[in-house]
C-alpha atoms as a PDB file:
ATOM      1  CA  UNK A   1      -1.684 -11.734  16.270  1.00  0.00           C
ATOM      2  CA  UNK A   2      -1.456  -9.117  13.544  1.00  0.00           C
ATOM      3  CA  UNK A   3      -3.209  -9.968  10.324  1.00  0.00           C
ATOM      4  CA  UNK A   4      -3.427  -7.829   7.222  1.00  0.00           C
ATOM      5  CA  UNK A   5      -5.945  -8.629   4.519  1.00  0.00           C
ATOM      6  CA  UNK A   6      -5.796  -6.951   1.113  1.00  0.00           C
ATOM      7  CA  UNK A   7      -8.718  -6.754  -1.278  1.00  0.00           C
ATOM      8  CA  UNK A   8      -9.831  -4.810  -4.309  1.00  0.00           C
ATOM      9  CA  UNK A   9      -7.577  -6.281  -6.933  1.00  0.00           C
ATOM     10  CA  UNK A  10      -8.840  -7.327 -10.315  1.00  0.00           C
ATOM     11  CA  UNK A  11      -8.476  -6.963 -14.050  1.00  0.00           C
ATOM     12  CA  UNK A  12      -8.902  -3.619 -15.783  1.00  0.00           C
ATOM     13  CA  UNK A  13      -8.003  -2.034 -19.064  1.00  0.00           C
ATOM     14  CA  UNK A  14      -5.284   0.557 -19.332  1.00  0.00           C
ATOM     15  CA  UNK A  15      -6.517   3.926 -18.147  1.00  0.00           C
ATOM     16  CA  UNK A  16      -8.878   2.374 -15.636  1.00  0.00           C
ATOM     17  CA  UNK A  17      -8.944   2.575 -11.850  1.00  0.00           C
ATOM     18  CA  UNK A  18      -8.921   0.271  -8.870  1.00  0.00           C
ATOM     19  CA  UNK A  19      -8.959   0.853  -5.133  1.00  0.00           C
ATOM     20  CA  UNK A  20      -7.100  -1.562  -2.931  1.00  0.00           C
ATOM     21  CA  UNK A  21      -7.920  -1.955   0.747  1.00  0.00           C
ATOM     22  CA  UNK A  22      -5.828  -3.302   3.590  1.00  0.00           C
ATOM     23  CA  UNK A  23      -7.736  -4.166   6.743  1.00  0.00           C
ATOM     24  CA  UNK A  24      -5.830  -4.938   9.913  1.00  0.00           C
ATOM     25  CA  UNK A  25      -6.870  -7.219  12.736  1.00  0.00           C
ATOM     26  CA  UNK A  26      -4.998  -7.648  15.971  1.00  0.00           C
ATOM     27  CA  UNK A  27      -3.504  -4.240  15.345  1.00  0.00           C
ATOM     28  CA  UNK A  28      -4.692  -0.651  15.254  1.00  0.00           C
ATOM     29  CA  UNK A  29      -3.242   1.734  12.733  1.00  0.00           C
ATOM     30  CA  UNK A  30      -1.613   4.515  14.693  1.00  0.00           C
ATOM     31  CA  UNK A  31       1.851   6.002  14.333  1.00  0.00           C
ATOM     32  CA  UNK A  32       3.229   3.107  12.358  1.00  0.00           C
ATOM     33  CA  UNK A  33       4.150   3.335   8.713  1.00  0.00           C
ATOM     34  CA  UNK A  34       1.882   1.298   6.450  1.00  0.00           C
ATOM     35  CA  UNK A  35       3.120   0.577   2.982  1.00  0.00           C
ATOM     36  CA  UNK A  36       1.960  -0.891  -0.291  1.00  0.00           C
ATOM     37  CA  UNK A  37       4.408  -2.997  -2.251  1.00  0.00           C
ATOM     38  CA  UNK A  38       4.097  -4.875  -5.508  1.00  0.00           C
ATOM     39  CA  UNK A  39       5.803  -7.713  -7.276  1.00  0.00           C
ATOM     40  CA  UNK A  40       5.496  -8.261 -10.991  1.00  0.00           C
ATOM     41  CA  UNK A  41       6.318 -11.623 -12.602  1.00  0.00           C
ATOM     42  CA  UNK A  42      10.056 -12.098 -12.832  1.00  0.00           C
ATOM     43  CA  UNK A  43      10.803  -8.917 -10.931  1.00  0.00           C
ATOM     44  CA  UNK A  44      11.773  -8.029  -7.399  1.00  0.00           C
ATOM     45  CA  UNK A  45       9.208  -6.640  -5.031  1.00  0.00           C
ATOM     46  CA  UNK A  46       9.207  -2.856  -4.938  1.00  0.00           C
ATOM     47  CA  UNK A  47       7.737  -0.246  -2.648  1.00  0.00           C
ATOM     48  CA  UNK A  48       4.851   1.695  -4.163  1.00  0.00           C
ATOM     49  CA  UNK A  49       3.555   4.015  -1.459  1.00  0.00           C
ATOM     50  CA  UNK A  50       3.425   4.429   2.294  1.00  0.00           C
ATOM     51  CA  UNK A  51       1.628   6.504   4.889  1.00  0.00           C
ATOM     52  CA  UNK A  52       2.184   7.395   8.508  1.00  0.00           C
ATOM     53  CA  UNK A  53       0.275   9.628  10.863  1.00  0.00           C
ATOM     54  CA  UNK A  54       1.931  12.681  12.299  1.00  0.00           C
ATOM     55  CA  UNK A  55       2.469  12.734  16.049  1.00  0.00           C
ATOM     56  CA  UNK A  56      -0.661  14.806  16.557  1.00  0.00           C
ATOM     57  CA  UNK A  57      -2.727  12.556  14.309  1.00  0.00           C
ATOM     58  CA  UNK A  58      -3.920  15.657  12.499  1.00  0.00           C
ATOM     59  CA  UNK A  59      -1.791  15.117   9.444  1.00  0.00           C
ATOM     60  CA  UNK A  60      -0.310  12.232   7.502  1.00  0.00           C
ATOM     61  CA  UNK A  61       2.996  11.783   5.779  1.00  0.00           C
ATOM     62  CA  UNK A  62       2.936   9.990   2.468  1.00  0.00           C
ATOM     63  CA  UNK A  63       5.617   8.777   0.107  1.00  0.00           C
ATOM     64  CA  UNK A  64       5.379   7.364  -3.413  1.00  0.00           C
ATOM     65  CA  UNK A  65       7.688   5.745  -5.855  1.00  0.00           C
ATOM     66  CA  UNK A  66       8.253   7.945  -8.891  1.00  0.00           C
ATOM     67  CA  UNK A  67       6.403   5.740 -11.364  1.00  0.00           C
ATOM     68  CA  UNK A  68       3.056   6.155  -9.564  1.00  0.00           C
ATOM     69  CA  UNK A  69       3.218   9.803  -8.497  1.00  0.00           C
ATOM     70  CA  UNK A  70       0.179  11.678  -9.704  1.00  0.00           C
ATOM     71  CA  UNK A  71      -1.722   8.439 -10.390  1.00  0.00           C
ATOM     72  CA  UNK A  72      -1.888   6.609  -7.046  1.00  0.00           C
ATOM     73  CA  UNK A  73      -3.083   7.942  -3.715  1.00  0.00           C
ATOM     74  CA  UNK A  74      -2.612   6.276  -0.359  1.00  0.00           C
ATOM     75  CA  UNK A  75      -4.952   7.096   2.503  1.00  0.00           C
ATOM     76  CA  UNK A  76      -5.862   5.846   5.935  1.00  0.00           C
ATOM     77  CA  UNK A  77      -9.230   5.510   7.656  1.00  0.00           C
ATOM     78  CA  UNK A  78      -8.614   4.913  11.346  1.00  0.00           C
ATOM     79  CA  UNK A  79     -12.291   4.376  12.103  1.00  0.00           C
ATOM     80  CA  UNK A  80     -12.285   1.409   9.730  1.00  0.00           C
ATOM     81  CA  UNK A  81      -8.713   0.389  10.527  1.00  0.00           C
ATOM     82  CA  UNK A  82      -8.099   0.359   6.799  1.00  0.00           C
ATOM     83  CA  UNK A  83      -5.460   1.746   4.493  1.00  0.00           C
ATOM     84  CA  UNK A  84      -6.388   2.326   0.872  1.00  0.00           C
ATOM     85  CA  UNK A  85      -4.473   2.627  -2.356  1.00  0.00           C
ATOM     86  CA  UNK A  86      -6.459   4.440  -5.024  1.00  0.00           C
ATOM     87  CA  UNK A  87      -4.932   3.640  -8.388  1.00  0.00           C
ATOM     88  CA  UNK A  88      -5.917   5.738 -11.389  1.00  0.00           C
ATOM     89  CA  UNK A  89      -4.718   5.864 -14.992  1.00  0.00           C
ATOM     90  CA  UNK A  90      -3.497   2.309 -14.655  1.00  0.00           C
ATOM     91  CA  UNK A  91      -0.876   1.069 -17.074  1.00  0.00           C
ATOM     92  CA  UNK A  92       0.062  -2.483 -18.114  1.00  0.00           C
ATOM     93  CA  UNK A  93       3.319  -2.086 -16.205  1.00  0.00           C
ATOM     94  CA  UNK A  94       1.294  -1.740 -12.995  1.00  0.00           C
ATOM     95  CA  UNK A  95       0.368  -5.406 -13.309  1.00  0.00           C
ATOM     96  CA  UNK A  96       1.596  -7.166 -10.173  1.00  0.00           C
ATOM     97  CA  UNK A  97       0.620  -8.718  -6.891  1.00  0.00           C
ATOM     98  CA  UNK A  98       0.097  -5.904  -4.431  1.00  0.00           C
ATOM     99  CA  UNK A  99       0.909  -6.355  -0.746  1.00  0.00           C
ATOM    100  CA  UNK A 100       0.337  -4.163   2.249  1.00  0.00           C
ATOM    101  CA  UNK A 101       2.764  -4.188   5.122  1.00  0.00           C
ATOM    102  CA  UNK A 102       3.236  -2.525   8.496  1.00  0.00           C
ATOM    103  CA  UNK A 103       6.413  -1.255  10.122  1.00  0.00           C
ATOM    104  CA  UNK A 104       6.230  -2.359  13.746  1.00  0.00           C
ATOM    105  CA  UNK A 105       8.468   0.465  14.936  1.00  0.00           C
ATOM    106  CA  UNK A 106       6.331   3.382  16.048  1.00  0.00           C
ATOM    107  CA  UNK A 107       7.031   6.782  14.470  1.00  0.00           C
ATOM    108  CA  UNK A 108       9.786   5.495  12.238  1.00  0.00           C
ATOM    109  CA  UNK A 109      10.050   7.349   8.940  1.00  0.00           C
ATOM    110  CA  UNK A 110       8.473   5.564   6.007  1.00  0.00           C
ATOM    111  CA  UNK A 111      11.201   4.309   3.708  1.00  0.00           C
ATOM    112  CA  UNK A 112       9.646   2.123   1.027  1.00  0.00           C
ATOM    113  CA  UNK A 113      13.042   1.185  -0.356  1.00  0.00           C
ATOM    114  CA  UNK A 114      13.793  -0.566   2.957  1.00  0.00           C
ATOM    115  CA  UNK A 115      11.474  -3.539   2.793  1.00  0.00           C
ATOM    116  CA  UNK A 116      13.132  -4.993   5.890  1.00  0.00           C
ATOM    117  CA  UNK A 117      11.541  -2.264   8.007  1.00  0.00           C
ATOM    118  CA  UNK A 118       8.136  -3.842   7.464  1.00  0.00           C
ATOM    119  CA  UNK A 119       7.543  -6.798   9.729  1.00  0.00           C
ATOM    120  CA  UNK A 120       3.908  -7.636   9.029  1.00  0.00           C
ATOM    121  CA  UNK A 121       2.637  -8.524   5.576  1.00  0.00           C
ATOM    122  CA  UNK A 122      -0.640  -9.416   3.955  1.00  0.00           C
ATOM    123  CA  UNK A 123      -1.155 -12.234   1.487  1.00  0.00           C
ATOM    124  CA  UNK A 124      -1.414  -9.982  -1.555  1.00  0.00           C
ATOM    125  CA  UNK A 125      -4.019  -9.164  -4.165  1.00  0.00           C
ATOM    126  CA  UNK A 126      -3.556  -9.487  -7.923  1.00  0.00           C
ATOM    127  CA  UNK A 127      -3.858  -6.459 -10.182  1.00  0.00           C
ATOM    128  CA  UNK A 128      -3.849  -7.055 -13.935  1.00  0.00           C
ATOM    129  CA  UNK A 129      -3.920  -4.192 -16.418  1.00  0.00           C
ATOM    130  CA  UNK A 130      -4.454  -5.017 -20.070  1.00  0.00           C
ATOM    131  CA  UNK A 131      -3.535  -2.772 -22.985  1.00  0.00           C
END
């Protein structure tokens, strides 16, 4: 059974940083797209970033939503079976519950606007950014 557990959320002031982690059990990160999504109060869930290994596992493809480009970095540590989301220069509008999710289809292109592609989800971790 695939389980994803997020951690690293918390409360920070604007301009601060947090690093979220998503550890998988019952599953090994390989050629599947792993994404981070977030849902702010009263808003729909949106894709934030995603990562997928290249077929040779020597490179990774990443994608970001425009509002976090240059501030957030997604990375993958296969030895730890963990995907990270480094969030810098945080803004109050980044406040949300952050979820990680895995696309079960191997080698499918990461499309964070297609939430339906992601079949496994974690329980979420709260990020609160104060001004």
